[in-house]
Amino acid sequence: MIFRVLEITLPVFAIVLTGYLYARLRNLEMEEPNRLNFEIFIPALLFFVLSEKIPQDFEFGGLALGGTIVVLGSGLLLLPASGLLGFRPTAFLPSMMFNNSGNLGLPLAVFAFGEELFPAAVVLFVVMVCFQHTLGTLMLEGKINLQVFVKNPIFVATGLGILANQLDWHLPVITVPAIEMLGQVAIPLMLIALGVRLTSIRFDHWKMGVWGALLCPLSGIACALLAISFIDLPKEQAGLLILFGALPPAVMNAIMAERYNREPELVASVVAVGNLLSLFVIPVTLMFIID
């Protein structure tokens, strides 16, 4: 079992560590590679998986509901904790609700459950992205910019992919390999970007960071177990939902907290400590959910 867990986690964390060490050596800037990833590679991945890899009879409604319960339930569950810890809820709760379902969640899903369950991981990633750019923006900015749905390539690719899937539309065969190859760049680049970003996150408020880093996976797992108790999910999808709940806060939380000036130092510490703590949380979680 321990060897199986290492098989799943070591490749993922090794790529993150590669990005971290390379950024330390080269003072690497990721602004342009990240833009390429969010505007080309990730949209290509989402469109390809949603339109070409998800069978039309794939039941993803229950899983999407489960992901929604994890996101919203974590916020409601930890609302009292924000006051006890001295955080403003609008700064603390997004880090508890929006986790690393892209950078860590997608590759971990592939290694843990295989390519056949990757579309299910994409469904959870899409749920997370939709809530982070709507509810998350509302919490931080006080309003929702509806233009984000039109201008954000991830939303556009997701919408087109779902539409193509439901209408049984497929790309010309000659174009599929190009779209697939573009999508294959997304996950390794997300892991490298995570490692690079961790070089710039500070640990000034590490004690608060530890509290946040512990509460994020605990609340996520609790909400995942609650969802599984009344949603009839296949065994592997249930395991995937628990893994989804155990993921650490997304690095995007630190970026958005800085952008909207919502206690950026505290949020950065929660994100940094949370991702470090995931080195222990994720392997332990995997030991309970994989055969």
Protein backbone atom coordinates (compact mmCIF):
# COMPACT_ATOMS: atom_id res chain seq x y z
CA MET A 1 0.00 0.00 0.00
CA ILE A 2 2.80 2.43 0.90
CA PHE A 3 4.56 1.72 -2.40
CA ARG A 4 1.29 2.33 -4.28
CA VAL A 5 0.85 5.68 -2.55
CA LEU A 6 4.43 6.65 -3.43
CA GLU A 7 3.77 5.69 -7.04
CA ILE A 8 0.89 8.17 -7.08
CA THR A 9 2.41 11.07 -5.16
CA LEU A 10 6.12 11.06 -5.99
CA PRO A 11 5.79 12.01 -9.70
CA VAL A 12 3.48 14.89 -8.83
CA PHE A 13 5.54 16.31 -5.98
CA ALA A 14 8.78 15.71 -7.89
CA ILE A 15 7.60 18.00 -10.70
CA VAL A 16 6.51 20.64 -8.18
CA LEU A 17 9.95 20.41 -6.53
CA THR A 18 11.61 20.72 -9.94
CA GLY A 19 9.77 23.97 -10.57
CA TYR A 20 10.65 25.24 -7.10
CA LEU A 21 14.38 24.45 -7.41
CA TYR A 22 14.66 25.74 -10.97
CA ALA A 23 13.01 29.01 -9.96
CA ARG A 24 15.47 29.34 -7.07
CA LEU A 25 18.41 28.84 -9.42
CA ARG A 26 17.20 30.92 -12.35
CA ASN A 27 14.89 33.50 -10.75
CA LEU A 28 12.23 32.28 -13.14
CA GLU A 29 9.26 34.43 -14.15
CA MET A 30 6.08 32.52 -14.99
CA GLU A 31 3.76 35.30 -16.14
CA GLU A 32 3.94 34.48 -19.84
CA PRO A 33 4.00 30.65 -19.45
CA ASN A 34 0.99 30.92 -17.11
CA ARG A 35 -0.85 33.06 -19.64
CA LEU A 36 -0.16 30.45 -22.32
CA ASN A 37 -1.43 27.74 -20.01
CA PHE A 38 -4.65 29.50 -19.02
CA GLU A 39 -5.41 30.75 -22.53
CA ILE A 40 -4.30 27.80 -24.69
CA PHE A 41 -3.22 24.59 -22.95
CA ILE A 42 -5.84 24.26 -20.19
CA PRO A 43 -8.74 25.25 -22.52
CA ALA A 44 -7.48 22.69 -25.05
CA LEU A 45 -7.36 20.03 -22.33
CA LEU A 46 -10.86 20.82 -21.09
CA PHE A 47 -12.40 20.96 -24.55
CA PHE A 48 -10.71 17.72 -25.62
CA VAL A 49 -11.76 15.78 -22.52
CA LEU A 50 -15.31 17.14 -22.40
CA SER A 51 -16.00 16.71 -26.12
CA GLU A 52 -14.00 13.59 -26.98
CA LYS A 53 -13.39 11.60 -23.80
CA ILE A 54 -16.60 11.78 -21.77
CA PRO A 55 -19.22 9.29 -23.00
CA GLN A 56 -22.65 10.78 -23.60
CA ASP A 57 -24.11 8.43 -21.00
CA PHE A 58 -21.55 9.50 -18.37
CA GLU A 59 -23.46 10.46 -15.22
CA PHE A 60 -21.64 13.47 -13.79
CA GLY A 61 -24.55 15.25 -12.10
CA GLY A 62 -24.02 13.50 -8.76
CA LEU A 63 -20.29 14.18 -8.81
CA ALA A 64 -20.83 17.86 -9.68
CA LEU A 65 -23.31 18.08 -6.78
CA GLY A 66 -20.75 16.46 -4.51
CA GLY A 67 -18.11 18.99 -5.59
CA THR A 68 -20.57 21.80 -4.92
CA ILE A 69 -21.20 20.48 -1.41
CA VAL A 70 -17.46 20.36 -0.73
CA VAL A 71 -16.96 23.95 -1.90
CA LEU A 72 -19.97 25.56 -0.24
CA GLY A 73 -20.01 23.26 2.78
CA SER A 74 -16.39 24.07 3.64
CA GLY A 75 -17.23 27.75 3.70
CA LEU A 76 -20.28 27.30 5.91
CA LEU A 77 -18.53 24.85 8.22
CA LEU A 78 -15.56 27.15 8.82
CA LEU A 79 -17.42 30.45 9.00
CA PRO A 80 -17.27 30.47 12.83
CA ALA A 81 -13.55 29.58 12.72
CA SER A 82 -12.67 32.72 10.76
CA GLY A 83 -13.69 34.93 13.66
CA LEU A 84 -11.96 32.76 16.25
CA LEU A 85 -8.71 32.89 14.28
CA GLY A 86 -8.91 36.64 13.71
CA PHE A 87 -9.48 36.45 9.95
CA ARG A 88 -12.02 38.43 8.03
CA PRO A 89 -14.35 35.82 6.50
CA THR A 90 -13.93 37.34 3.03
CA ALA A 91 -10.18 36.73 3.29
CA PHE A 92 -10.15 33.37 5.09
CA LEU A 93 -13.06 31.43 3.59
CA PRO A 94 -12.01 31.52 -0.09
CA SER A 95 -8.79 29.70 0.84
CA MET A 96 -10.84 27.04 2.62
CA MET A 97 -13.33 26.65 -0.24
CA PHE A 98 -11.19 26.82 -3.38
CA ASN A 99 -8.50 24.16 -3.46
CA ASN A 100 -5.77 22.98 -5.77
CA SER A 101 -8.04 20.84 -7.93
CA GLY A 102 -6.08 21.81 -11.05
CA ASN A 103 -2.38 21.81 -10.18
CA LEU A 104 -2.59 18.80 -7.85
CA GLY A 105 -6.07 17.35 -8.29
CA LEU A 106 -5.87 16.48 -11.99
CA PRO A 107 -2.50 14.69 -11.99
CA LEU A 108 -3.23 12.92 -8.69
CA ALA A 109 -6.52 11.65 -10.13
CA VAL A 110 -4.72 10.16 -13.14
CA PHE A 111 -2.06 8.42 -11.05
CA ALA A 112 -4.53 7.21 -8.41
CA PHE A 113 -7.48 6.13 -10.56
CA GLY A 114 -6.21 5.95 -14.14
CA GLU A 115 -7.04 7.77 -17.35
CA GLU A 116 -10.60 6.42 -17.37
CA LEU A 117 -11.50 8.57 -14.37
CA PHE A 118 -9.77 11.69 -15.63
CA PRO A 119 -13.03 13.12 -17.07
CA ALA A 120 -14.55 12.90 -13.58
CA ALA A 121 -11.59 14.88 -12.19
CA VAL A 122 -12.17 17.47 -14.91
CA VAL A 123 -15.80 17.80 -13.77
CA LEU A 124 -14.63 18.62 -10.22
CA PHE A 125 -12.03 21.05 -11.56
CA VAL A 126 -14.69 22.84 -13.62
CA VAL A 127 -16.96 23.09 -10.54
CA MET A 128 -14.11 24.64 -8.57
CA VAL A 129 -13.15 27.12 -11.30
CA CYS A 130 -16.75 28.24 -11.79
CA PHE A 131 -17.25 28.93 -8.09
CA GLN A 132 -13.88 30.63 -7.66
CA HIS A 133 -14.50 33.09 -10.49
CA THR A 134 -18.09 33.84 -9.44
CA LEU A 135 -18.70 33.35 -5.73
CA GLY A 136 -15.01 33.90 -4.96
CA THR A 137 -14.95 37.19 -6.84
CA LEU A 138 -18.19 38.23 -5.13
CA MET A 139 -16.65 37.56 -1.70
CA LEU A 140 -13.45 39.47 -2.48
CA GLU A 141 -14.70 42.30 -4.69
CA GLY A 142 -18.35 42.56 -3.69
CA LYS A 143 -19.64 41.99 -7.22
CA ILE A 144 -19.58 39.47 -10.05
CA ASN A 145 -18.23 40.54 -13.42
CA LEU A 146 -20.36 38.64 -15.92
CA GLN A 147 -17.89 39.46 -18.69
CA VAL A 148 -15.58 36.85 -17.19
CA PHE A 149 -17.74 34.14 -18.72
CA VAL A 150 -17.22 35.57 -22.20
CA LYS A 151 -13.57 36.54 -21.90
CA ASN A 152 -12.22 33.63 -19.86
CA PRO A 153 -10.90 30.93 -22.26
CA ILE A 154 -11.44 28.23 -19.63
CA PHE A 155 -15.16 29.04 -19.39
CA VAL A 156 -15.49 29.26 -23.18
CA ALA A 157 -13.72 25.91 -23.70
CA THR A 158 -15.80 24.29 -20.98
CA GLY A 159 -19.06 25.53 -22.47
CA LEU A 160 -18.12 24.47 -25.99
CA GLY A 161 -16.91 21.07 -24.75
CA ILE A 162 -20.16 20.37 -22.89
CA LEU A 163 -22.22 21.54 -25.88
CA ALA A 164 -20.25 19.31 -28.27
CA ASN A 165 -20.65 16.36 -25.92
CA GLN A 166 -24.41 16.77 -25.53
CA LEU A 167 -24.98 17.26 -29.26
CA ASP A 168 -22.52 14.49 -30.19
CA TRP A 169 -20.39 16.85 -32.25
CA HIS A 170 -16.79 15.87 -32.87
CA LEU A 171 -13.80 17.65 -34.27
CA PRO A 172 -12.47 16.55 -37.66
CA VAL A 173 -10.24 13.55 -37.03
CA ILE A 174 -7.23 15.32 -38.51
CA THR A 175 -7.41 18.10 -35.87
CA VAL A 176 -7.80 15.88 -32.79
CA PRO A 177 -4.09 15.02 -32.33
CA ALA A 178 -3.15 18.72 -32.27
CA ILE A 179 -5.79 19.56 -29.63
CA GLU A 180 -4.76 16.54 -27.57
CA MET A 181 -1.07 17.49 -27.71
CA LEU A 182 -1.83 21.05 -26.61
CA GLY A 183 -3.83 19.70 -23.68
CA GLN A 184 -1.01 17.39 -22.63
CA VAL A 185 1.16 20.43 -21.87
CA ALA A 186 -1.30 21.78 -19.30
CA ILE A 187 -0.78 19.49 -16.29
CA PRO A 188 3.05 19.42 -16.20
CA LEU A 189 3.10 23.19 -16.67
CA MET A 190 0.58 23.66 -13.84
CA LEU A 191 2.81 21.62 -11.52
CA ILE A 192 5.92 23.57 -12.53
CA ALA A 193 4.00 26.83 -12.01
CA LEU A 194 2.95 25.68 -8.53
CA GLY A 195 6.58 25.03 -7.59
CA VAL A 196 7.67 28.41 -8.97
CA ARG A 197 4.88 30.24 -7.15
CA LEU A 198 5.82 28.66 -3.82
CA THR A 199 9.21 30.39 -3.99
CA SER A 200 7.53 33.77 -3.59
CA ILE A 201 5.07 32.91 -0.81
CA ARG A 202 6.15 34.03 2.64
CA PHE A 203 5.71 32.32 6.01
CA ASP A 204 5.47 35.47 8.17
CA HIS A 205 2.22 34.31 9.76
CA TRP A 206 3.04 30.61 9.84
CA LYS A 207 1.04 29.87 13.02
CA MET A 208 -2.14 31.14 11.38
CA GLY A 209 -1.07 29.32 8.26
CA VAL A 210 -0.94 26.02 10.14
CA TRP A 211 -4.51 26.48 11.38
CA GLY A 212 -5.76 27.22 7.89
CA ALA A 213 -3.69 24.43 6.37
CA LEU A 214 -5.23 21.91 8.78
CA LEU A 215 -8.80 23.15 8.55
CA CYS A 216 -8.91 23.20 4.75
CA PRO A 217 -8.49 19.44 4.16
CA LEU A 218 -10.39 18.48 7.31
CA SER A 219 -13.46 20.48 6.29
CA GLY A 220 -13.17 19.30 2.68
CA ILE A 221 -13.01 15.64 3.66
CA ALA A 222 -15.89 16.06 6.13
CA CYS A 223 -18.08 17.63 3.44
CA ALA A 224 -17.07 14.96 0.91
CA LEU A 225 -18.08 12.21 3.35
CA LEU A 226 -21.38 14.02 3.97
CA ALA A 227 -22.05 14.20 0.24
CA ILE A 228 -21.20 10.53 -0.26
CA SER A 229 -23.63 9.56 2.51
CA PHE A 230 -26.66 10.59 0.43
CA ILE A 231 -25.38 10.76 -3.17
CA ASP A 232 -25.14 7.36 -4.84
CA LEU A 233 -21.68 7.57 -6.41
CA PRO A 234 -19.63 4.70 -7.85
CA LYS A 235 -16.80 3.64 -5.54
CA GLU A 236 -14.00 5.30 -7.53
CA GLN A 237 -15.93 8.56 -7.93
CA ALA A 238 -16.54 8.58 -4.18
CA GLY A 239 -12.81 8.12 -3.59
CA LEU A 240 -12.06 10.90 -6.06
CA LEU A 241 -14.44 13.24 -4.22
CA ILE A 242 -12.66 12.52 -0.92
CA LEU A 243 -9.31 13.23 -2.57
CA PHE A 244 -10.80 16.44 -3.95
CA GLY A 245 -11.80 17.46 -0.43
CA ALA A 246 -8.31 16.73 0.93
CA LEU A 247 -6.49 19.05 -1.48
CA PRO A 248 -4.69 22.15 -0.12
CA PRO A 249 -5.71 25.76 -0.83
CA ALA A 250 -5.14 26.88 -4.41
CA VAL A 251 -2.27 29.29 -5.05
CA MET A 252 -4.80 31.47 -6.87
CA ASN A 253 -6.23 32.39 -3.46
CA ALA A 254 -3.00 34.21 -2.57
CA ILE A 255 -2.96 35.99 -5.91
CA MET A 256 -6.57 37.15 -5.57
CA ALA A 257 -6.11 38.18 -1.92
CA GLU A 258 -3.22 40.37 -3.01
CA ARG A 259 -5.18 41.80 -5.93
CA TYR A 260 -8.12 42.80 -3.73
CA ASN A 261 -6.06 43.56 -0.60
CA ARG A 262 -7.80 40.97 1.58
CA GLU A 263 -5.16 40.18 4.22
CA PRO A 264 -2.69 38.96 1.56
CA GLU A 265 0.09 38.07 4.03
CA LEU A 266 -2.17 35.80 6.09
CA VAL A 267 -3.70 34.16 3.02
CA ALA A 268 -0.24 33.61 1.52
CA SER A 269 0.84 31.82 4.69
CA VAL A 270 -2.25 29.60 4.64
CA VAL A 271 -1.56 28.67 1.01
CA ALA A 272 2.14 28.04 1.58
CA VAL A 273 1.74 25.93 4.72
CA GLY A 274 -1.27 24.14 3.23
CA ASN A 275 0.66 23.01 0.18
CA LEU A 276 3.59 21.86 2.32
CA LEU A 277 1.25 20.00 4.67
CA SER A 278 -0.30 18.26 1.67
CA LEU A 279 2.92 16.22 1.44
CA PHE A 280 1.52 14.33 4.45
CA VAL A 281 -2.25 14.82 4.09
CA ILE A 282 -2.56 13.51 0.54
CA PRO A 283 -0.58 10.27 1.06
CA VAL A 284 -2.57 9.51 4.23
CA THR A 285 -5.84 10.19 2.39
CA LEU A 286 -4.82 7.96 -0.50
CA MET A 287 -4.12 5.08 1.87
CA PHE A 288 -7.82 5.07 2.80
CA ILE A 289 -9.33 5.48 -0.66
CA ILE A 290 -7.26 3.29 -2.98
CA ASP A 291 -7.36 -0.48 -3.15
